[in-house]
Amino acid sequence: MANATFVVLEGINHAQALSRSGLILPQLLQFLGRVEATLPTSR
């Protein structure tokens, strides 16, 4: 998958990660910022 991002959350499984948004949210926002920067602007 082009431009994919892989994030490792040491010590927790997938189900535990769902309830720990503070761990993934910074990485998610960074990823979305990179995606948004590649989108054409609309006027």
N, C-alpha and C. Protein backbone atom coordinates (compact mmCIF):
# COMPACT_ATOMS: atom_id res chain seq x y z
N MET A 1 0.85 -1.16 0.00
CA MET A 1 0.00 0.00 0.00
C MET A 1 0.91 1.23 0.00
N ALA A 2 0.74 2.05 -0.98
CA ALA A 2 1.55 3.27 -1.09
C ALA A 2 1.22 4.25 0.03
N ASN A 3 2.26 4.86 0.57
CA ASN A 3 2.12 5.90 1.61
C ASN A 3 1.44 5.41 2.88
N ALA A 4 1.53 4.12 3.15
CA ALA A 4 0.95 3.58 4.38
C ALA A 4 1.84 3.94 5.57
N THR A 5 1.23 3.95 6.73
CA THR A 5 1.95 4.19 7.97
C THR A 5 1.66 3.04 8.92
N PHE A 6 2.70 2.48 9.50
CA PHE A 6 2.56 1.37 10.45
C PHE A 6 2.94 1.89 11.83
N VAL A 7 2.06 1.72 12.79
CA VAL A 7 2.29 2.19 14.15
C VAL A 7 2.27 0.99 15.08
N VAL A 8 3.31 0.83 15.89
CA VAL A 8 3.38 -0.24 16.88
C VAL A 8 3.01 0.33 18.24
N LEU A 9 2.07 -0.30 18.89
CA LEU A 9 1.67 0.08 20.24
C LEU A 9 2.15 -1.03 21.17
N GLU A 10 3.34 -0.86 21.69
CA GLU A 10 3.98 -1.90 22.51
C GLU A 10 3.13 -2.25 23.73
N GLY A 11 2.95 -3.53 23.94
CA GLY A 11 2.33 -4.01 25.17
C GLY A 11 0.82 -4.04 25.18
N ILE A 12 0.17 -3.63 24.09
CA ILE A 12 -1.30 -3.72 24.06
C ILE A 12 -1.73 -4.38 22.76
N ASN A 13 -2.89 -5.02 22.81
CA ASN A 13 -3.42 -5.68 21.62
C ASN A 13 -4.43 -4.76 20.93
N HIS A 14 -5.00 -5.25 19.84
CA HIS A 14 -5.91 -4.43 19.04
C HIS A 14 -7.12 -3.97 19.87
N ALA A 15 -7.72 -4.87 20.62
CA ALA A 15 -8.89 -4.51 21.42
C ALA A 15 -8.55 -3.46 22.48
N GLN A 16 -7.40 -3.59 23.11
CA GLN A 16 -6.98 -2.61 24.11
C GLN A 16 -6.72 -1.25 23.47
N ALA A 17 -6.19 -1.26 22.26
CA ALA A 17 -5.90 0.00 21.57
C ALA A 17 -7.18 0.79 21.29
N LEU A 18 -8.29 0.09 21.08
CA LEU A 18 -9.54 0.79 20.82
C LEU A 18 -9.97 1.69 21.98
N SER A 19 -9.59 1.32 23.18
CA SER A 19 -9.97 2.13 24.33
C SER A 19 -8.87 3.09 24.77
N ARG A 20 -7.77 3.16 24.03
CA ARG A 20 -6.64 4.01 24.38
C ARG A 20 -6.38 5.03 23.27
N SER A 21 -7.37 5.84 22.98
CA SER A 21 -7.28 6.78 21.86
C SER A 21 -6.12 7.76 22.02
N GLY A 22 -5.71 8.03 23.23
CA GLY A 22 -4.60 8.95 23.45
C GLY A 22 -3.28 8.43 22.90
N LEU A 23 -3.18 7.11 22.71
CA LEU A 23 -1.96 6.54 22.15
C LEU A 23 -1.91 6.65 20.63
N ILE A 24 -3.05 6.52 19.99
CA ILE A 24 -3.07 6.50 18.53
C ILE A 24 -3.44 7.84 17.91
N LEU A 25 -4.16 8.67 18.64
CA LEU A 25 -4.63 9.93 18.06
C LEU A 25 -3.51 10.82 17.53
N PRO A 26 -2.39 11.00 18.23
CA PRO A 26 -1.32 11.84 17.66
C PRO A 26 -0.80 11.29 16.33
N GLN A 27 -0.63 9.98 16.21
CA GLN A 27 -0.16 9.40 14.96
C GLN A 27 -1.21 9.54 13.87
N LEU A 28 -2.47 9.36 14.23
CA LEU A 28 -3.55 9.49 13.26
C LEU A 28 -3.63 10.92 12.72
N LEU A 29 -3.55 11.89 13.60
CA LEU A 29 -3.62 13.29 13.16
C LEU A 29 -2.43 13.65 12.26
N GLN A 30 -1.26 13.13 12.58
CA GLN A 30 -0.09 13.37 11.75
C GLN A 30 -0.29 12.75 10.36
N PHE A 31 -0.77 11.53 10.31
CA PHE A 31 -1.03 10.86 9.04
C PHE A 31 -2.05 11.64 8.22
N LEU A 32 -3.15 12.04 8.84
CA LEU A 32 -4.18 12.78 8.12
C LEU A 32 -3.67 14.13 7.62
N GLY A 33 -2.79 14.75 8.37
CA GLY A 33 -2.17 16.00 7.93
C GLY A 33 -1.35 15.80 6.67
N ARG A 34 -0.60 14.69 6.61
CA ARG A 34 0.19 14.39 5.41
C ARG A 34 -0.73 14.11 4.22
N VAL A 35 -1.81 13.40 4.45
CA VAL A 35 -2.76 13.12 3.37
C VAL A 35 -3.40 14.41 2.88
N GLU A 36 -3.82 15.23 3.80
CA GLU A 36 -4.47 16.49 3.44
C GLU A 36 -3.55 17.39 2.63
N ALA A 37 -2.26 17.36 2.96
CA ALA A 37 -1.29 18.20 2.24
C ALA A 37 -1.13 17.78 0.79
N THR A 38 -1.52 16.55 0.46
CA THR A 38 -1.39 16.09 -0.93
C THR A 38 -2.65 16.31 -1.75
N LEU A 39 -3.72 16.74 -1.11
CA LEU A 39 -4.98 16.94 -1.83
C LEU A 39 -4.96 18.27 -2.57
N PRO A 40 -5.57 18.32 -3.75
CA PRO A 40 -5.65 19.59 -4.45
C PRO A 40 -6.58 20.55 -3.71
N THR A 41 -6.26 21.79 -3.76
CA THR A 41 -7.12 22.78 -3.09
C THR A 41 -8.30 23.11 -3.99
N SER A 42 -9.44 23.35 -3.39
CA SER A 42 -10.63 23.71 -4.17
C SER A 42 -11.00 25.14 -3.87
N ARG A 43 -11.41 25.82 -4.87
CA ARG A 43 -11.80 27.24 -4.71
C ARG A 43 -13.09 27.49 -5.40
